[in-house]
Amino acid sequence: MWLTKNHWDKKLDGVNGVVGVAIDTGKSSRNALQWATEHLLTKGQTVVLIHVKLKPTTLSTSHSLLSPKIGIFGIGDGKASGTKGLEEQGKDIFHSYRLFCARKDIRCKDILLDDVDVCKALIEYASQSIIEHLVLGSSSKSTFLR
């Protein structure tokens, strides 16, 4: 059966199964959560907010684009001068998303993963925890509409 062109414009009565939203600090993550609340979730349902914190790779000795970002947070001691610890920074990422969910009367569960590969971490967690609907952000809305 083919879906009609405006299939996603209609709000469903929620979906069966667990809905997960991969989040980060970007606006695309907020758009993904907003889309999930409008199209997949109903009031009182629970959404799983998943954030992957990048670990430094120990195999590579070359300088990559991620090296300066990792160095800022002080991976060695868990704290950097003038900044919060890594665990606190991870929890702060969820704060605005929790507020958004509270306004929409949707419960949320926060999951913070550590891995060197974001895609691999998301896929493994989704398959292990039986997430049936995983929503990812996009840099522009037109990408999905085409």
N, C-alpha and C. Protein backbone atom coordinates (compact mmCIF):
# COMPACT_ATOMS: atom_id res chain seq x y z
N MET A 1 0.84 -1.18 0.00
CA MET A 1 0.00 0.00 0.00
C MET A 1 0.88 1.24 0.00
N TRP A 2 0.62 2.15 -0.90
CA TRP A 2 1.38 3.39 -0.96
C TRP A 2 0.77 4.41 -0.02
N LEU A 3 1.65 5.17 0.64
CA LEU A 3 1.17 6.22 1.53
C LEU A 3 0.78 7.44 0.71
N THR A 4 -0.26 8.11 1.15
CA THR A 4 -0.65 9.33 0.46
C THR A 4 0.39 10.40 0.70
N LYS A 5 0.38 11.41 -0.14
CA LYS A 5 1.39 12.47 -0.06
C LYS A 5 1.35 13.18 1.29
N ASN A 6 0.18 13.39 1.84
CA ASN A 6 0.04 14.12 3.09
C ASN A 6 -0.14 13.18 4.28
N HIS A 7 0.36 11.97 4.19
CA HIS A 7 0.20 11.00 5.26
C HIS A 7 0.76 11.51 6.58
N TRP A 8 1.93 12.15 6.56
CA TRP A 8 2.57 12.60 7.80
C TRP A 8 2.02 13.93 8.30
N ASP A 9 1.15 14.58 7.51
CA ASP A 9 0.54 15.81 7.97
C ASP A 9 -0.54 15.54 9.00
N LYS A 10 -1.08 14.35 9.01
CA LYS A 10 -2.14 14.01 9.95
C LYS A 10 -1.54 13.46 11.23
N LYS A 11 -2.09 13.88 12.36
CA LYS A 11 -1.61 13.38 13.65
C LYS A 11 -2.26 12.03 13.90
N LEU A 12 -1.41 11.08 14.21
CA LEU A 12 -1.90 9.74 14.54
C LEU A 12 -2.27 9.70 16.01
N ASP A 13 -2.91 8.66 16.44
CA ASP A 13 -3.26 8.49 17.85
C ASP A 13 -2.09 7.93 18.64
N GLY A 14 -0.89 8.27 18.26
CA GLY A 14 0.28 7.72 18.92
C GLY A 14 0.66 6.42 18.26
N VAL A 15 1.81 5.93 18.59
CA VAL A 15 2.27 4.67 18.00
C VAL A 15 2.51 3.67 19.12
N ASN A 16 2.39 2.42 18.77
CA ASN A 16 2.74 1.37 19.73
C ASN A 16 4.24 1.18 19.67
N GLY A 17 4.84 0.90 20.78
CA GLY A 17 6.28 0.70 20.82
C GLY A 17 7.00 1.91 21.38
N VAL A 18 8.29 1.72 21.57
CA VAL A 18 9.12 2.74 22.19
C VAL A 18 9.63 3.70 21.12
N VAL A 19 9.55 5.00 21.42
CA VAL A 19 10.03 6.04 20.53
C VAL A 19 11.30 6.63 21.13
N GLY A 20 12.37 6.68 20.35
CA GLY A 20 13.62 7.27 20.78
C GLY A 20 13.99 8.43 19.89
N VAL A 21 14.57 9.48 20.48
CA VAL A 21 15.02 10.64 19.71
C VAL A 21 16.48 10.87 20.04
N ALA A 22 17.31 10.86 19.00
CA ALA A 22 18.74 11.15 19.18
C ALA A 22 18.90 12.66 19.28
N ILE A 23 19.56 13.12 20.36
CA ILE A 23 19.68 14.56 20.57
C ILE A 23 21.14 14.96 20.67
N ASP A 24 21.33 16.24 20.41
CA ASP A 24 22.63 16.88 20.54
C ASP A 24 22.35 18.34 20.86
N THR A 25 23.34 19.18 20.74
CA THR A 25 23.15 20.58 21.09
C THR A 25 22.58 21.41 19.95
N GLY A 26 22.41 20.84 18.77
CA GLY A 26 21.96 21.59 17.61
C GLY A 26 20.46 21.76 17.53
N LYS A 27 20.05 22.69 16.66
CA LYS A 27 18.64 22.98 16.47
C LYS A 27 17.92 21.81 15.78
N SER A 28 18.65 21.04 15.01
CA SER A 28 18.03 19.91 14.31
C SER A 28 17.50 18.87 15.29
N SER A 29 18.14 18.74 16.45
CA SER A 29 17.66 17.80 17.46
C SER A 29 16.34 18.28 18.05
N ARG A 30 16.23 19.58 18.26
CA ARG A 30 14.96 20.12 18.76
C ARG A 30 13.85 19.92 17.73
N ASN A 31 14.18 20.11 16.46
CA ASN A 31 13.19 19.87 15.40
C ASN A 31 12.77 18.41 15.36
N ALA A 32 13.72 17.49 15.59
CA ALA A 32 13.39 16.07 15.59
C ALA A 32 12.45 15.73 16.74
N LEU A 33 12.71 16.29 17.92
CA LEU A 33 11.83 16.03 19.07
C LEU A 33 10.45 16.64 18.83
N GLN A 34 10.42 17.82 18.25
CA GLN A 34 9.14 18.46 17.96
C GLN A 34 8.35 17.62 16.94
N TRP A 35 9.03 17.12 15.92
CA TRP A 35 8.35 16.28 14.93
C TRP A 35 7.81 15.01 15.58
N ALA A 36 8.60 14.42 16.47
CA ALA A 36 8.15 13.19 17.14
C ALA A 36 6.93 13.46 18.01
N THR A 37 6.89 14.59 18.69
CA THR A 37 5.73 14.90 19.53
C THR A 37 4.49 15.19 18.69
N GLU A 38 4.69 15.74 17.50
CA GLU A 38 3.55 16.06 16.65
C GLU A 38 3.02 14.85 15.88
N HIS A 39 3.89 13.90 15.55
CA HIS A 39 3.48 12.82 14.67
C HIS A 39 3.47 11.42 15.30
N LEU A 40 4.25 11.21 16.35
CA LEU A 40 4.35 9.86 16.90
C LEU A 40 3.86 9.72 18.33
N LEU A 41 3.95 10.78 19.11
CA LEU A 41 3.66 10.69 20.54
C LEU A 41 2.35 11.36 20.90
N THR A 42 1.73 10.86 21.96
CA THR A 42 0.54 11.49 22.52
C THR A 42 0.83 11.86 23.97
N LYS A 43 -0.05 12.63 24.56
CA LYS A 43 0.14 13.04 25.96
C LYS A 43 0.24 11.82 26.86
N GLY A 44 1.18 11.87 27.80
CA GLY A 44 1.35 10.79 28.75
C GLY A 44 2.29 9.69 28.28
N GLN A 45 2.64 9.68 27.00
CA GLN A 45 3.56 8.67 26.49
C GLN A 45 4.99 9.02 26.90
N THR A 46 5.89 8.06 26.81
CA THR A 46 7.29 8.27 27.18
C THR A 46 8.17 8.24 25.94
N VAL A 47 9.09 9.18 25.86
CA VAL A 47 10.08 9.22 24.79
C VAL A 47 11.46 9.02 25.41
N VAL A 48 12.32 8.31 24.71
CA VAL A 48 13.68 8.07 25.17
C VAL A 48 14.58 9.06 24.46
N LEU A 49 15.22 9.95 25.23
CA LEU A 49 16.16 10.92 24.68
C LEU A 49 17.55 10.33 24.76
N ILE A 50 18.23 10.19 23.62
CA ILE A 50 19.53 9.53 23.57
C ILE A 50 20.59 10.53 23.11
N HIS A 51 21.64 10.68 23.91
CA HIS A 51 22.78 11.53 23.52
C HIS A 51 24.04 10.69 23.58
N VAL A 52 24.86 10.79 22.54
CA VAL A 52 26.12 10.05 22.49
C VAL A 52 27.27 11.03 22.70
N LYS A 53 28.02 10.77 23.74
CA LYS A 53 29.20 11.57 24.06
C LYS A 53 30.40 10.88 23.40
N LEU A 54 31.13 11.62 22.57
CA LEU A 54 32.26 11.02 21.86
C LEU A 54 33.42 10.77 22.79
N LYS A 55 33.97 9.57 22.67
CA LYS A 55 35.20 9.22 23.37
C LYS A 55 36.37 9.49 22.43
N PRO A 56 37.52 9.82 22.96
CA PRO A 56 38.68 9.97 22.07
C PRO A 56 39.14 8.59 21.59
N THR A 57 39.59 8.53 20.37
CA THR A 57 40.10 7.26 19.86
C THR A 57 41.55 7.12 20.29
N THR A 58 41.91 5.96 20.81
CA THR A 58 43.27 5.74 21.29
C THR A 58 44.17 5.19 20.20
N LEU A 59 43.58 4.70 19.10
CA LEU A 59 44.39 4.11 18.04
C LEU A 59 45.00 5.16 17.13
N SER A 60 44.34 6.27 16.95
CA SER A 60 44.80 7.27 16.02
C SER A 60 45.70 8.28 16.72
N THR A 61 46.87 8.53 16.15
CA THR A 61 47.76 9.54 16.72
C THR A 61 47.75 10.82 15.89
N SER A 62 47.03 10.80 14.77
CA SER A 62 46.97 12.00 13.93
C SER A 62 45.98 12.99 14.53
N HIS A 63 46.16 14.24 14.18
CA HIS A 63 45.26 15.28 14.67
C HIS A 63 44.04 15.33 13.78
N SER A 64 42.89 15.23 14.37
CA SER A 64 41.65 15.29 13.62
C SER A 64 40.89 16.54 14.01
N LEU A 65 39.76 16.73 13.38
CA LEU A 65 38.93 17.89 13.69
C LEU A 65 38.34 17.81 15.08
N LEU A 66 38.20 16.59 15.62
CA LEU A 66 37.60 16.43 16.94
C LEU A 66 38.60 16.63 18.07
N SER A 67 39.87 16.59 17.79
CA SER A 67 40.88 16.68 18.85
C SER A 67 40.75 17.94 19.69
N PRO A 68 40.59 19.13 19.10
CA PRO A 68 40.47 20.32 19.95
C PRO A 68 39.24 20.27 20.86
N LYS A 69 38.12 19.75 20.36
CA LYS A 69 36.92 19.68 21.18
C LYS A 69 37.12 18.74 22.36
N ILE A 70 37.79 17.63 22.13
CA ILE A 70 38.03 16.67 23.20
C ILE A 70 38.99 17.25 24.22
N GLY A 71 40.00 17.94 23.75
CA GLY A 71 40.99 18.52 24.65
C GLY A 71 40.42 19.59 25.56
N ILE A 72 39.42 20.31 25.12
CA ILE A 72 38.83 21.38 25.92
C ILE A 72 38.21 20.83 27.20
N PHE A 73 37.60 19.66 27.12
CA PHE A 73 36.88 19.12 28.26
C PHE A 73 37.76 18.42 29.26
N GLY A 74 39.03 18.28 28.99
CA GLY A 74 39.94 17.66 29.95
C GLY A 74 39.61 16.20 30.21
N ILE A 75 39.77 15.37 29.22
CA ILE A 75 39.40 13.96 29.33
C ILE A 75 40.20 13.26 30.43
N GLY A 76 41.45 13.64 30.60
CA GLY A 76 42.31 12.93 31.55
C GLY A 76 41.79 12.91 32.97
N ASP A 77 41.39 14.06 33.52
CA ASP A 77 40.94 14.11 34.90
C ASP A 77 39.44 14.23 35.05
N GLY A 78 38.71 14.31 33.94
CA GLY A 78 37.25 14.41 34.01
C GLY A 78 36.76 15.83 34.21
N LYS A 79 37.65 16.76 34.51
CA LYS A 79 37.26 18.15 34.69
C LYS A 79 38.31 19.03 34.04
N ALA A 80 37.87 20.15 33.55
CA ALA A 80 38.80 21.11 32.98
C ALA A 80 38.70 22.39 33.79
N SER A 81 39.70 23.16 33.76
CA SER A 81 39.67 24.39 34.54
C SER A 81 38.61 25.32 33.99
N GLY A 82 37.72 25.77 34.84
CA GLY A 82 36.68 26.70 34.45
C GLY A 82 35.47 26.07 33.80
N THR A 83 35.43 24.75 33.64
CA THR A 83 34.26 24.10 33.05
C THR A 83 33.75 23.03 33.99
N LYS A 84 32.54 22.57 33.71
CA LYS A 84 31.94 21.50 34.51
C LYS A 84 32.52 20.17 34.10
N GLY A 85 32.31 19.15 34.93
CA GLY A 85 32.76 17.81 34.59
C GLY A 85 31.97 17.27 33.42
N LEU A 86 32.48 16.23 32.80
CA LEU A 86 31.83 15.66 31.63
C LEU A 86 30.43 15.14 31.94
N GLU A 87 30.25 14.55 33.11
CA GLU A 87 28.93 14.03 33.48
C GLU A 87 27.91 15.15 33.61
N GLU A 88 28.32 16.26 34.23
CA GLU A 88 27.41 17.40 34.38
C GLU A 88 27.09 18.02 33.03
N GLN A 89 28.07 18.09 32.13
CA GLN A 89 27.80 18.64 30.80
C GLN A 89 26.83 17.76 30.05
N GLY A 90 26.94 16.44 30.21
CA GLY A 90 26.00 15.53 29.57
C GLY A 90 24.59 15.71 30.08
N LYS A 91 24.45 15.93 31.39
CA LYS A 91 23.12 16.13 31.96
C LYS A 91 22.52 17.47 31.54
N ASP A 92 23.36 18.48 31.35
CA ASP A 92 22.87 19.80 30.93
C ASP A 92 22.27 19.76 29.53
N ILE A 93 22.74 18.87 28.69
CA ILE A 93 22.21 18.76 27.33
C ILE A 93 20.74 18.38 27.36
N PHE A 94 20.35 17.56 28.32
CA PHE A 94 18.97 17.08 28.40
C PHE A 94 18.00 18.12 28.97
N HIS A 95 18.49 19.16 29.63
CA HIS A 95 17.64 20.09 30.37
C HIS A 95 16.57 20.74 29.48
N SER A 96 16.95 21.35 28.37
CA SER A 96 15.97 22.04 27.53
C SER A 96 14.97 21.05 26.90
N TYR A 97 15.44 19.84 26.62
CA TYR A 97 14.55 18.83 26.04
C TYR A 97 13.54 18.34 27.08
N ARG A 98 13.97 18.25 28.34
CA ARG A 98 13.03 17.88 29.42
C ARG A 98 11.96 18.93 29.59
N LEU A 99 12.35 20.21 29.51
CA LEU A 99 11.37 21.30 29.62
C LEU A 99 10.36 21.25 28.47
N PHE A 100 10.85 20.99 27.27
CA PHE A 100 9.97 20.89 26.11
C PHE A 100 8.96 19.76 26.30
N CYS A 101 9.44 18.61 26.76
CA CYS A 101 8.55 17.46 26.99
C CYS A 101 7.53 17.76 28.10
N ALA A 102 7.96 18.46 29.12
CA ALA A 102 7.04 18.80 30.22
C ALA A 102 5.92 19.70 29.72
N ARG A 103 6.23 20.65 28.85
CA ARG A 103 5.20 21.53 28.29
C ARG A 103 4.20 20.76 27.44
N LYS A 104 4.66 19.69 26.78
CA LYS A 104 3.79 18.88 25.92
C LYS A 104 3.14 17.73 26.68
N ASP A 105 3.39 17.63 27.99
CA ASP A 105 2.86 16.56 28.84
C ASP A 105 3.31 15.18 28.35
N ILE A 106 4.61 15.10 28.03
CA ILE A 106 5.22 13.85 27.59
C ILE A 106 6.35 13.52 28.55
N ARG A 107 6.37 12.29 29.03
CA ARG A 107 7.45 11.86 29.92
C ARG A 107 8.68 11.55 29.09
N CYS A 108 9.85 11.73 29.69
CA CYS A 108 11.08 11.42 28.96
C CYS A 108 12.06 10.67 29.84
N LYS A 109 12.83 9.84 29.18
CA LYS A 109 13.87 9.07 29.85
C LYS A 109 15.19 9.46 29.18
N ASP A 110 16.18 9.84 29.96
CA ASP A 110 17.46 10.31 29.44
C ASP A 110 18.46 9.17 29.39
N ILE A 111 19.11 9.00 28.24
CA ILE A 111 20.15 8.00 28.07
C ILE A 111 21.40 8.70 27.56
N LEU A 112 22.51 8.54 28.28
CA LEU A 112 23.79 9.13 27.90
C LEU A 112 24.75 8.00 27.59
N LEU A 113 25.18 7.92 26.33
CA LEU A 113 26.07 6.86 25.87
C LEU A 113 27.46 7.42 25.61
N ASP A 114 28.51 6.63 25.86
CA ASP A 114 29.88 6.98 25.54
C ASP A 114 30.37 6.04 24.46
N ASP A 115 30.84 6.60 23.35
CA ASP A 115 31.36 5.75 22.28
C ASP A 115 32.21 6.60 21.34
N VAL A 116 33.03 5.94 20.53
CA VAL A 116 33.84 6.64 19.55
C VAL A 116 33.08 6.86 18.25
N ASP A 117 32.00 6.12 18.04
CA ASP A 117 31.20 6.22 16.82
C ASP A 117 29.74 6.45 17.21
N VAL A 118 29.22 7.61 16.84
CA VAL A 118 27.85 7.98 17.21
C VAL A 118 26.84 7.04 16.57
N CYS A 119 26.99 6.77 15.28
CA CYS A 119 26.04 5.90 14.57
C CYS A 119 25.99 4.51 15.17
N LYS A 120 27.15 3.95 15.42
CA LYS A 120 27.22 2.60 15.99
C LYS A 120 26.56 2.56 17.36
N ALA A 121 26.81 3.56 18.17
CA ALA A 121 26.23 3.60 19.51
C ALA A 121 24.71 3.69 19.46
N LEU A 122 24.19 4.52 18.57
CA LEU A 122 22.73 4.66 18.44
C LEU A 122 22.09 3.35 17.97
N ILE A 123 22.69 2.73 16.98
CA ILE A 123 22.13 1.50 16.43
C ILE A 123 22.16 0.38 17.47
N GLU A 124 23.28 0.24 18.16
CA GLU A 124 23.38 -0.82 19.17
C GLU A 124 22.39 -0.60 20.31
N TYR A 125 22.27 0.64 20.78
CA TYR A 125 21.34 0.89 21.87
C TYR A 125 19.90 0.66 21.42
N ALA A 126 19.57 1.13 20.22
CA ALA A 126 18.20 0.97 19.72
C ALA A 126 17.84 -0.51 19.57
N SER A 127 18.77 -1.31 19.11
CA SER A 127 18.46 -2.74 18.94
C SER A 127 18.41 -3.47 20.27
N GLN A 128 19.27 -3.10 21.23
CA GLN A 128 19.28 -3.77 22.53
C GLN A 128 18.07 -3.39 23.38
N SER A 129 17.63 -2.15 23.28
CA SER A 129 16.51 -1.72 24.12
C SER A 129 15.17 -1.78 23.38
N ILE A 130 15.16 -2.35 22.22
CA ILE A 130 13.95 -2.57 21.43
C ILE A 130 13.21 -1.26 21.15
N ILE A 131 13.95 -0.26 20.69
CA ILE A 131 13.34 0.98 20.24
C ILE A 131 12.80 0.75 18.84
N GLU A 132 11.49 0.94 18.67
CA GLU A 132 10.87 0.67 17.39
C GLU A 132 10.90 1.86 16.45
N HIS A 133 10.92 3.07 17.00
CA HIS A 133 10.93 4.28 16.19
C HIS A 133 12.08 5.17 16.69
N LEU A 134 13.09 5.36 15.85
CA LEU A 134 14.23 6.19 16.20
C LEU A 134 14.20 7.42 15.30
N VAL A 135 14.10 8.60 15.91
CA VAL A 135 14.00 9.85 15.16
C VAL A 135 15.34 10.56 15.23
N LEU A 136 15.85 10.96 14.07
CA LEU A 136 17.11 11.67 13.98
C LEU A 136 16.87 13.06 13.42
N GLY A 137 17.71 14.00 13.80
CA GLY A 137 17.60 15.36 13.28
C GLY A 137 18.24 15.49 11.91
N SER A 138 17.88 16.54 11.21
CA SER A 138 18.43 16.83 9.90
C SER A 138 18.87 18.27 9.87
N SER A 139 19.86 18.58 9.05
CA SER A 139 20.34 19.96 8.99
C SER A 139 19.33 20.89 8.34
N SER A 140 18.44 20.36 7.51
CA SER A 140 17.39 21.18 6.94
C SER A 140 16.15 20.32 6.75
N LYS A 141 15.00 20.94 6.84
CA LYS A 141 13.75 20.21 6.71
C LYS A 141 13.52 19.74 5.27
N SER A 142 14.06 20.44 4.30
CA SER A 142 13.82 20.09 2.91
C SER A 142 14.46 18.76 2.52
N THR A 143 15.44 18.31 3.28
CA THR A 143 16.10 17.05 2.97
C THR A 143 15.11 15.89 3.01
N PHE A 144 14.25 15.86 4.01
CA PHE A 144 13.30 14.77 4.14
C PHE A 144 12.08 14.95 3.23
N LEU A 145 11.78 16.16 2.85
CA LEU A 145 10.60 16.39 2.05
C LEU A 145 10.80 16.04 0.59
N ARG A 146 12.02 15.97 0.13
CA ARG A 146 12.28 15.70 -1.29
C ARG A 146 12.07 14.28 -1.65
